[in-house]
C-alpha atoms as a PDB file:
ATOM      1  CA  UNK A   1      40.849 -38.608  59.798  1.00  0.00           C
ATOM      2  CA  UNK A   2      43.212 -36.457  57.769  1.00  0.00           C
ATOM      3  CA  UNK A   3      46.070 -34.115  58.448  1.00  0.00           C
ATOM      4  CA  UNK A   4      45.126 -30.715  59.831  1.00  0.00           C
ATOM      5  CA  UNK A   5      44.791 -27.762  57.537  1.00  0.00           C
ATOM      6  CA  UNK A   6      43.014 -24.433  57.350  1.00  0.00           C
ATOM      7  CA  UNK A   7      41.120 -22.818  54.496  1.00  0.00           C
ATOM      8  CA  UNK A   8      43.842 -20.207  54.133  1.00  0.00           C
ATOM      9  CA  UNK A   9      46.517 -22.890  54.061  1.00  0.00           C
ATOM     10  CA  UNK A  10      44.740 -24.748  51.269  1.00  0.00           C
ATOM     11  CA  UNK A  11      44.296 -21.542  49.346  1.00  0.00           C
ATOM     12  CA  UNK A  12      48.002 -20.911  49.710  1.00  0.00           C
ATOM     13  CA  UNK A  13      48.875 -24.447  48.640  1.00  0.00           C
ATOM     14  CA  UNK A  14      46.440 -24.736  45.751  1.00  0.00           C
ATOM     15  CA  UNK A  15      46.241 -21.144  44.580  1.00  0.00           C
ATOM     16  CA  UNK A  16      48.637 -19.133  42.548  1.00  0.00           C
ATOM     17  CA  UNK A  17      51.324 -17.594  44.745  1.00  0.00           C
ATOM     18  CA  UNK A  18      50.858 -13.843  44.882  1.00  0.00           C
ATOM     19  CA  UNK A  19      53.604 -11.878  43.253  1.00  0.00           C
ATOM     20  CA  UNK A  20      55.562  -9.544  45.455  1.00  0.00           C
ATOM     21  CA  UNK A  21      55.564  -5.823  44.801  1.00  0.00           C
ATOM     22  CA  UNK A  22      57.321  -5.159  41.517  1.00  0.00           C
ATOM     23  CA  UNK A  23      56.211  -8.590  40.201  1.00  0.00           C
ATOM     24  CA  UNK A  24      59.648 -10.081  40.834  1.00  0.00           C
ATOM     25  CA  UNK A  25      58.683 -13.052  43.051  1.00  0.00           C
ATOM     26  CA  UNK A  26      56.572 -15.175  40.720  1.00  0.00           C
ATOM     27  CA  UNK A  27      57.753 -18.424  42.320  1.00  0.00           C
ATOM     28  CA  UNK A  28      57.701 -19.213  46.016  1.00  0.00           C
ATOM     29  CA  UNK A  29      60.538 -20.845  47.940  1.00  0.00           C
ATOM     30  CA  UNK A  30      58.399 -21.366  51.031  1.00  0.00           C
ATOM     31  CA  UNK A  31      58.828 -25.006  52.146  1.00  0.00           C
ATOM     32  CA  UNK A  32      55.898 -27.353  52.764  1.00  0.00           C
ATOM     33  CA  UNK A  33      54.813 -27.311  56.426  1.00  0.00           C
ATOM     34  CA  UNK A  34      52.831 -30.404  57.427  1.00  0.00           C
ATOM     35  CA  UNK A  35      51.435 -28.541  60.431  1.00  0.00           C
ATOM     36  CA  UNK A  36      49.467 -26.078  58.310  1.00  0.00           C
ATOM     37  CA  UNK A  37      49.691 -27.181  54.656  1.00  0.00           C
ATOM     38  CA  UNK A  38      47.983 -30.008  52.802  1.00  0.00           C
ATOM     39  CA  UNK A  39      48.101 -31.135  49.197  1.00  0.00           C
ATOM     40  CA  UNK A  40      44.950 -31.573  47.156  1.00  0.00           C
ATOM     41  CA  UNK A  41      45.755 -35.264  46.732  1.00  0.00           C
ATOM     42  CA  UNK A  42      45.731 -35.676  50.526  1.00  0.00           C
ATOM     43  CA  UNK A  43      42.370 -33.940  50.834  1.00  0.00           C
ATOM     44  CA  UNK A  44      40.681 -35.959  48.107  1.00  0.00           C
ATOM     45  CA  UNK A  45      39.104 -39.168  49.513  1.00  0.00           C
ATOM     46  CA  UNK A  46      39.321 -37.912  53.120  1.00  0.00           C
ATOM     47  CA  UNK A  47      36.452 -39.300  55.242  1.00  0.00           C
ATOM     48  CA  UNK A  48      33.893 -36.785  56.506  1.00  0.00           C
ATOM     49  CA  UNK A  49      31.804 -37.295  59.657  1.00  0.00           C
ATOM     50  CA  UNK A  50      28.545 -35.669  60.749  1.00  0.00           C
ATOM     51  CA  UNK A  51      27.153 -35.034  64.210  1.00  0.00           C
ATOM     52  CA  UNK A  52      24.382 -32.961  65.751  1.00  0.00           C
ATOM     53  CA  UNK A  53      26.487 -32.380  68.893  1.00  0.00           C
ATOM     54  CA  UNK A  54      28.021 -29.001  69.628  1.00  0.00           C
ATOM     55  CA  UNK A  55      31.688 -29.172  68.648  1.00  0.00           C
ATOM     56  CA  UNK A  56      32.641 -25.749  69.964  1.00  0.00           C
ATOM     57  CA  UNK A  57      34.267 -27.108  73.113  1.00  0.00           C
ATOM     58  CA  UNK A  58      35.707 -30.256  71.537  1.00  0.00           C
ATOM     59  CA  UNK A  59      39.276 -29.489  70.433  1.00  0.00           C
ATOM     60  CA  UNK A  60      40.209 -33.170  70.631  1.00  0.00           C
ATOM     61  CA  UNK A  61      38.459 -36.486  69.984  1.00  0.00           C
ATOM     62  CA  UNK A  62      39.273 -40.181  70.084  1.00  0.00           C
ATOM     63  CA  UNK A  63      38.249 -43.106  67.929  1.00  0.00           C
ATOM     64  CA  UNK A  64      35.618 -43.874  70.567  1.00  0.00           C
ATOM     65  CA  UNK A  65      34.135 -40.391  70.125  1.00  0.00           C
ATOM     66  CA  UNK A  66      34.038 -40.931  66.375  1.00  0.00           C
ATOM     67  CA  UNK A  67      31.830 -44.003  66.861  1.00  0.00           C
ATOM     68  CA  UNK A  68      29.049 -41.604  67.881  1.00  0.00           C
ATOM     69  CA  UNK A  69      29.337 -39.717  64.582  1.00  0.00           C
ATOM     70  CA  UNK A  70      27.926 -40.619  61.180  1.00  0.00           C
ATOM     71  CA  UNK A  71      30.512 -41.478  58.540  1.00  0.00           C
ATOM     72  CA  UNK A  72      28.719 -39.712  55.700  1.00  0.00           C
ATOM     73  CA  UNK A  73      31.199 -40.167  52.882  1.00  0.00           C
ATOM     74  CA  UNK A  74      34.379 -38.775  51.430  1.00  0.00           C
ATOM     75  CA  UNK A  75      35.661 -35.657  49.729  1.00  0.00           C
ATOM     76  CA  UNK A  76      35.457 -36.133  45.966  1.00  0.00           C
ATOM     77  CA  UNK A  77      36.509 -32.722  44.700  1.00  0.00           C
ATOM     78  CA  UNK A  78      37.634 -29.215  45.660  1.00  0.00           C
ATOM     79  CA  UNK A  79      36.025 -26.151  44.084  1.00  0.00           C
ATOM     80  CA  UNK A  80      38.244 -23.082  43.735  1.00  0.00           C
ATOM     81  CA  UNK A  81      37.467 -19.552  42.721  1.00  0.00           C
ATOM     82  CA  UNK A  82      39.478 -18.171  39.816  1.00  0.00           C
ATOM     83  CA  UNK A  83      41.654 -16.209  42.219  1.00  0.00           C
ATOM     84  CA  UNK A  84      42.740 -19.438  43.928  1.00  0.00           C
ATOM     85  CA  UNK A  85      40.554 -19.472  47.048  1.00  0.00           C
ATOM     86  CA  UNK A  86      38.809 -22.639  48.184  1.00  0.00           C
ATOM     87  CA  UNK A  87      35.078 -22.042  47.763  1.00  0.00           C
ATOM     88  CA  UNK A  88      33.861 -25.398  49.024  1.00  0.00           C
ATOM     89  CA  UNK A  89      34.566 -29.109  48.939  1.00  0.00           C
ATOM     90  CA  UNK A  90      32.377 -31.704  47.256  1.00  0.00           C
ATOM     91  CA  UNK A  91      31.449 -34.572  49.555  1.00  0.00           C
ATOM     92  CA  UNK A  92      30.043 -37.809  48.149  1.00  0.00           C
ATOM     93  CA  UNK A  93      27.360 -38.846  50.620  1.00  0.00           C
ATOM     94  CA  UNK A  94      25.182 -41.928  50.682  1.00  0.00           C
ATOM     95  CA  UNK A  95      25.246 -45.515  51.884  1.00  0.00           C
ATOM     96  CA  UNK A  96      23.974 -45.157  55.422  1.00  0.00           C
ATOM     97  CA  UNK A  97      21.056 -43.076  54.152  1.00  0.00           C
ATOM     98  CA  UNK A  98      19.811 -46.012  52.138  1.00  0.00           C
ATOM     99  CA  UNK A  99      20.336 -44.152  48.862  1.00  0.00           C
ATOM    100  CA  UNK A 100      22.999 -44.094  46.207  1.00  0.00           C
ATOM    101  CA  UNK A 101      25.872 -41.679  46.542  1.00  0.00           C
ATOM    102  CA  UNK A 102      25.301 -38.062  45.580  1.00  0.00           C
ATOM    103  CA  UNK A 103      27.662 -35.097  45.609  1.00  0.00           C
ATOM    104  CA  UNK A 104      26.879 -32.198  47.949  1.00  0.00           C
ATOM    105  CA  UNK A 105      28.824 -28.969  48.414  1.00  0.00           C
ATOM    106  CA  UNK A 106      30.098 -28.037  51.880  1.00  0.00           C
ATOM    107  CA  UNK A 107      31.708 -24.664  52.547  1.00  0.00           C
ATOM    108  CA  UNK A 108      35.117 -24.727  54.174  1.00  0.00           C
ATOM    109  CA  UNK A 109      33.841 -22.709  57.147  1.00  0.00           C
ATOM    110  CA  UNK A 110      31.364 -25.477  57.961  1.00  0.00           C
ATOM    111  CA  UNK A 111      34.056 -28.145  58.223  1.00  0.00           C
ATOM    112  CA  UNK A 112      35.503 -28.675  61.694  1.00  0.00           C
ATOM    113  CA  UNK A 113      38.951 -30.156  62.192  1.00  0.00           C
ATOM    114  CA  UNK A 114      39.215 -32.007  65.493  1.00  0.00           C
ATOM    115  CA  UNK A 115      42.490 -33.481  66.707  1.00  0.00           C
ATOM    116  CA  UNK A 116      42.461 -37.216  67.311  1.00  0.00           C
ATOM    117  CA  UNK A 117      45.006 -36.805  70.135  1.00  0.00           C
ATOM    118  CA  UNK A 118      47.555 -39.120  68.528  1.00  0.00           C
ATOM    119  CA  UNK A 119      49.652 -36.796  66.385  1.00  0.00           C
ATOM    120  CA  UNK A 120      49.776 -33.022  66.382  1.00  0.00           C
ATOM    121  CA  UNK A 121      48.941 -32.849  62.676  1.00  0.00           C
ATOM    122  CA  UNK A 122      46.181 -35.498  62.441  1.00  0.00           C
ATOM    123  CA  UNK A 123      42.518 -34.531  62.622  1.00  0.00           C
ATOM    124  CA  UNK A 124      38.989 -35.804  62.045  1.00  0.00           C
ATOM    125  CA  UNK A 125      36.954 -33.790  59.534  1.00  0.00           C
ATOM    126  CA  UNK A 126      33.474 -33.219  60.968  1.00  0.00           C
ATOM    127  CA  UNK A 127      30.400 -31.217  59.932  1.00  0.00           C
ATOM    128  CA  UNK A 128      27.423 -30.255  62.081  1.00  0.00           C
ATOM    129  CA  UNK A 129      24.446 -31.862  60.328  1.00  0.00           C
ATOM    130  CA  UNK A 130      21.641 -34.319  60.997  1.00  0.00           C
ATOM    131  CA  UNK A 131      20.489 -37.319  58.960  1.00  0.00           C
ATOM    132  CA  UNK A 132      17.482 -35.517  57.463  1.00  0.00           C
ATOM    133  CA  UNK A 133      19.521 -32.483  56.492  1.00  0.00           C
ATOM    134  CA  UNK A 134      22.063 -34.614  54.650  1.00  0.00           C
ATOM    135  CA  UNK A 135      19.367 -36.660  52.932  1.00  0.00           C
ATOM    136  CA  UNK A 136      17.538 -33.544  51.742  1.00  0.00           C
ATOM    137  CA  UNK A 137      20.655 -31.634  50.658  1.00  0.00           C
ATOM    138  CA  UNK A 138      20.547 -30.726  46.989  1.00  0.00           C
ATOM    139  CA  UNK A 139      22.935 -32.591  44.726  1.00  0.00           C
ATOM    140  CA  UNK A 140      25.806 -30.407  43.543  1.00  0.00           C
ATOM    141  CA  UNK A 141      25.056 -28.886  40.137  1.00  0.00           C
ATOM    142  CA  UNK A 142      28.142 -28.725  37.925  1.00  0.00           C
ATOM    143  CA  UNK A 143      26.352 -26.509  35.426  1.00  0.00           C
ATOM    144  CA  UNK A 144      24.730 -27.025  32.088  1.00  0.00           C
ATOM    145  CA  UNK A 145      26.207 -29.517  29.678  1.00  0.00           C
ATOM    146  CA  UNK A 146      25.962 -29.578  25.926  1.00  0.00           C
ATOM    147  CA  UNK A 147      23.299 -31.761  24.302  1.00  0.00           C
ATOM    148  CA  UNK A 148      26.003 -34.150  23.099  1.00  0.00           C
ATOM    149  CA  UNK A 149      27.449 -34.567  26.597  1.00  0.00           C
ATOM    150  CA  UNK A 150      23.978 -34.962  28.052  1.00  0.00           C
ATOM    151  CA  UNK A 151      22.977 -37.733  25.658  1.00  0.00           C
ATOM    152  CA  UNK A 152      26.261 -39.577  26.232  1.00  0.00           C
ATOM    153  CA  UNK A 153      25.560 -39.589  29.957  1.00  0.00           C
ATOM    154  CA  UNK A 154      21.937 -40.605  29.533  1.00  0.00           C
ATOM    155  CA  UNK A 155      20.576 -37.471  31.297  1.00  0.00           C
ATOM    156  CA  UNK A 156      18.523 -34.475  30.215  1.00  0.00           C
ATOM    157  CA  UNK A 157      20.373 -31.284  29.339  1.00  0.00           C
ATOM    158  CA  UNK A 158      20.725 -29.017  32.389  1.00  0.00           C
ATOM    159  CA  UNK A 159      21.243 -29.562  36.073  1.00  0.00           C
ATOM    160  CA  UNK A 160      20.991 -32.870  37.867  1.00  0.00           C
ATOM    161  CA  UNK A 161      17.887 -33.129  40.044  1.00  0.00           C
ATOM    162  CA  UNK A 162      18.767 -33.106  43.745  1.00  0.00           C
ATOM    163  CA  UNK A 163      18.970 -36.600  45.233  1.00  0.00           C
ATOM    164  CA  UNK A 164      19.690 -38.513  42.042  1.00  0.00           C
ATOM    165  CA  UNK A 165      23.074 -40.023  41.321  1.00  0.00           C
ATOM    166  CA  UNK A 166      25.043 -38.710  38.378  1.00  0.00           C
ATOM    167  CA  UNK A 167      25.827 -41.435  35.849  1.00  0.00           C
ATOM    168  CA  UNK A 168      29.489 -41.920  34.986  1.00  0.00           C
ATOM    169  CA  UNK A 169      31.056 -40.612  31.796  1.00  0.00           C
ATOM    170  CA  UNK A 170      32.245 -43.718  29.989  1.00  0.00           C
ATOM    171  CA  UNK A 171      34.522 -43.930  26.985  1.00  0.00           C
ATOM    172  CA  UNK A 172      35.414 -47.417  25.756  1.00  0.00           C
ATOM    173  CA  UNK A 173      37.091 -48.133  22.445  1.00  0.00           C
ATOM    174  CA  UNK A 174      34.629 -49.718  20.052  1.00  0.00           C
ATOM    175  CA  UNK A 175      31.586 -48.693  22.128  1.00  0.00           C
ATOM    176  CA  UNK A 176      29.170 -45.805  21.773  1.00  0.00           C
ATOM    177  CA  UNK A 177      26.620 -44.328  24.187  1.00  0.00           C
ATOM    178  CA  UNK A 178      22.977 -45.344  23.910  1.00  0.00           C
ATOM    179  CA  UNK A 179      19.765 -43.707  25.088  1.00  0.00           C
ATOM    180  CA  UNK A 180      17.348 -45.922  27.023  1.00  0.00           C
ATOM    181  CA  UNK A 181      14.451 -44.984  24.736  1.00  0.00           C
ATOM    182  CA  UNK A 182      16.359 -46.539  21.827  1.00  0.00           C
ATOM    183  CA  UNK A 183      16.402 -49.937  23.530  1.00  0.00           C
ATOM    184  CA  UNK A 184      13.701 -52.417  24.468  1.00  0.00           C
ATOM    185  CA  UNK A 185      13.131 -53.923  27.907  1.00  0.00           C
ATOM    186  CA  UNK A 186      14.078 -57.293  26.451  1.00  0.00           C
ATOM    187  CA  UNK A 187      17.401 -55.956  25.190  1.00  0.00           C
ATOM    188  CA  UNK A 188      18.295 -54.492  28.588  1.00  0.00           C
ATOM    189  CA  UNK A 189      17.211 -57.467  30.708  1.00  0.00           C
ATOM    190  CA  UNK A 190      20.220 -59.607  31.577  1.00  0.00           C
ATOM    191  CA  UNK A 191      22.708 -56.833  30.727  1.00  0.00           C
ATOM    192  CA  UNK A 192      25.777 -56.783  32.979  1.00  0.00           C
ATOM    193  CA  UNK A 193      26.190 -53.750  35.224  1.00  0.00           C
ATOM    194  CA  UNK A 194      29.620 -52.282  35.994  1.00  0.00           C
ATOM    195  CA  UNK A 195      31.021 -49.556  38.204  1.00  0.00           C
ATOM    196  CA  UNK A 196      32.855 -46.634  36.623  1.00  0.00           C
ATOM    197  CA  UNK A 197      36.120 -48.502  37.273  1.00  0.00           C
ATOM    198  CA  UNK A 198      34.844 -51.649  35.502  1.00  0.00           C
ATOM    199  CA  UNK A 199      33.924 -53.398  38.762  1.00  0.00           C
ATOM    200  CA  UNK A 200      31.394 -56.153  37.953  1.00  0.00           C
ATOM    201  CA  UNK A 201      28.410 -55.229  40.128  1.00  0.00           C
ATOM    202  CA  UNK A 202      25.622 -57.474  38.868  1.00  0.00           C
ATOM    203  CA  UNK A 203      23.007 -57.563  36.138  1.00  0.00           C
ATOM    204  CA  UNK A 204      19.670 -56.028  35.197  1.00  0.00           C
ATOM    205  CA  UNK A 205      16.992 -58.556  36.126  1.00  0.00           C
ATOM    206  CA  UNK A 206      13.902 -56.525  35.330  1.00  0.00           C
ATOM    207  CA  UNK A 207      12.817 -53.340  33.592  1.00  0.00           C
ATOM    208  CA  UNK A 208      10.013 -51.268  35.111  1.00  0.00           C
ATOM    209  CA  UNK A 209       7.839 -49.346  32.661  1.00  0.00           C
ATOM    210  CA  UNK A 210       5.665 -46.256  32.983  1.00  0.00           C
ATOM    211  CA  UNK A 211       1.937 -46.395  32.299  1.00  0.00           C
ATOM    212  CA  UNK A 212       2.782 -45.099  28.822  1.00  0.00           C
ATOM    213  CA  UNK A 213       5.065 -48.068  28.238  1.00  0.00           C
ATOM    214  CA  UNK A 214       8.344 -46.144  28.456  1.00  0.00           C
ATOM    215  CA  UNK A 215      11.328 -47.507  30.378  1.00  0.00           C
ATOM    216  CA  UNK A 216      11.269 -45.962  33.876  1.00  0.00           C
ATOM    217  CA  UNK A 217      13.634 -47.882  36.177  1.00  0.00           C
ATOM    218  CA  UNK A 218      15.964 -50.849  36.056  1.00  0.00           C
ATOM    219  CA  UNK A 219      16.149 -53.488  38.792  1.00  0.00           C
ATOM    220  CA  UNK A 220      19.783 -54.427  39.345  1.00  0.00           C
ATOM    221  CA  UNK A 221      20.618 -57.720  41.044  1.00  0.00           C
ATOM    222  CA  UNK A 222      23.757 -56.894  43.019  1.00  0.00           C
ATOM    223  CA  UNK A 223      26.304 -59.557  43.930  1.00  0.00           C
ATOM    224  CA  UNK A 224      25.277 -63.122  44.581  1.00  0.00           C
ATOM    225  CA  UNK A 225      26.443 -66.335  42.949  1.00  0.00           C
ATOM    226  CA  UNK A 226      24.465 -68.492  40.529  1.00  0.00           C
ATOM    227  CA  UNK A 227      21.305 -66.576  41.381  1.00  0.00           C
ATOM    228  CA  UNK A 228      21.700 -66.963  45.136  1.00  0.00           C
ATOM    229  CA  UNK A 229      22.291 -64.144  47.629  1.00  0.00           C
ATOM    230  CA  UNK A 230      21.533 -61.387  45.134  1.00  0.00           C
ATOM    231  CA  UNK A 231      20.345 -58.002  46.415  1.00  0.00           C
ATOM    232  CA  UNK A 232      17.880 -56.330  43.997  1.00  0.00           C
ATOM    233  CA  UNK A 233      17.748 -52.516  43.903  1.00  0.00           C
ATOM    234  CA  UNK A 234      15.770 -50.224  41.597  1.00  0.00           C
ATOM    235  CA  UNK A 235      17.673 -47.461  39.817  1.00  0.00           C
ATOM    236  CA  UNK A 236      16.352 -44.593  37.707  1.00  0.00           C
ATOM    237  CA  UNK A 237      17.370 -44.589  34.070  1.00  0.00           C
ATOM    238  CA  UNK A 238      18.922 -41.148  34.639  1.00  0.00           C
ATOM    239  CA  UNK A 239      21.433 -42.795  36.993  1.00  0.00           C
ATOM    240  CA  UNK A 240      22.954 -45.188  34.469  1.00  0.00           C
ATOM    241  CA  UNK A 241      25.064 -44.970  31.330  1.00  0.00           C
ATOM    242  CA  UNK A 242      24.396 -47.477  28.548  1.00  0.00           C
ATOM    243  CA  UNK A 243      27.004 -48.317  25.914  1.00  0.00           C
ATOM    244  CA  UNK A 244      26.922 -50.788  23.020  1.00  0.00           C
ATOM    245  CA  UNK A 245      29.653 -52.226  20.849  1.00  0.00           C
ATOM    246  CA  UNK A 246      29.871 -51.095  17.230  1.00  0.00           C
ATOM    247  CA  UNK A 247      28.665 -54.473  15.929  1.00  0.00           C
ATOM    248  CA  UNK A 248      25.776 -54.533  18.415  1.00  0.00           C
ATOM    249  CA  UNK A 249      26.882 -57.801  20.012  1.00  0.00           C
ATOM    250  CA  UNK A 250      27.610 -56.408  23.492  1.00  0.00           C
ATOM    251  CA  UNK A 251      25.584 -53.989  25.607  1.00  0.00           C
ATOM    252  CA  UNK A 252      26.828 -52.800  29.000  1.00  0.00           C
ATOM    253  CA  UNK A 253      25.445 -50.619  31.771  1.00  0.00           C
ATOM    254  CA  UNK A 254      27.661 -48.417  33.967  1.00  0.00           C
ATOM    255  CA  UNK A 255      26.743 -46.709  37.238  1.00  0.00           C
ATOM    256  CA  UNK A 256      28.541 -44.363  39.639  1.00  0.00           C
ATOM    257  CA  UNK A 257      27.555 -46.156  42.857  1.00  0.00           C
ATOM    258  CA  UNK A 258      29.801 -48.866  44.290  1.00  0.00           C
ATOM    259  CA  UNK A 259      28.648 -52.407  45.029  1.00  0.00           C
ATOM    260  CA  UNK A 260      28.848 -51.628  48.759  1.00  0.00           C
ATOM    261  CA  UNK A 261      26.593 -48.568  48.393  1.00  0.00           C
ATOM    262  CA  UNK A 262      24.002 -50.558  46.459  1.00  0.00           C
ATOM    263  CA  UNK A 263      24.048 -53.381  48.982  1.00  0.00           C
ATOM    264  CA  UNK A 264      23.251 -50.795  51.672  1.00  0.00           C
ATOM    265  CA  UNK A 265      20.133 -49.666  49.796  1.00  0.00           C
ATOM    266  CA  UNK A 266      16.712 -51.163  50.615  1.00  0.00           C
ATOM    267  CA  UNK A 267      15.982 -54.249  48.550  1.00  0.00           C
ATOM    268  CA  UNK A 268      13.469 -53.761  45.757  1.00  0.00           C
ATOM    269  CA  UNK A 269      10.182 -55.550  46.378  1.00  0.00           C
ATOM    270  CA  UNK A 270       7.460 -56.054  43.808  1.00  0.00           C
END
């Protein structure tokens, strides 16, 4: 649930204010109006719900109504055109689908803003979609990266394949990025796994190889204590970032998914 806004209001708030005739009014003195305006910081991290129900005749909803919707994720980014219009929002979906989070693009016109009935300016953000449609939605492609950026992130140059999770970009003083092919399964086994914000998520317990003997996937034991209560999940090598200290004494693995998202994934079984 977030404060109500319209696409035009966001464009007005985020975009460059149009100059009046004669180019004299470069700056606007229009005050912020909570009824129609929203800041980008308020929009980022807003929860997004999905439902297959027709929302045309639903101007208002309650928390009870929301229990019948799928909480699919949160808004991670806002994509603008160069003239300041909101093109679409990037929603990080995952968790309930049994997969790691991926970014998908949703056009502003497909987002519905339904009042929660409590305050005039508070709304649920809902999209008409079903579970299969969300699961099969292509991951948002942020465009081609340079070879250097691609290697640092542990992914091939070019777009990210739909459905996979983008690895985080990690910069740590004294550490440099590694490519999985430069490491052995023995070196990676037992390596600690962290979230992009340095959250300790678990460790790599096993490395799965291809028939050609190349590293294919890593089994991450999530959570647990002293080997008990761990939740093993298999992750593709294109979903992780590997860094190693300059002296080679410390190797770390970073992923974009949170511990909660991984715990919601099906457990890996041999």
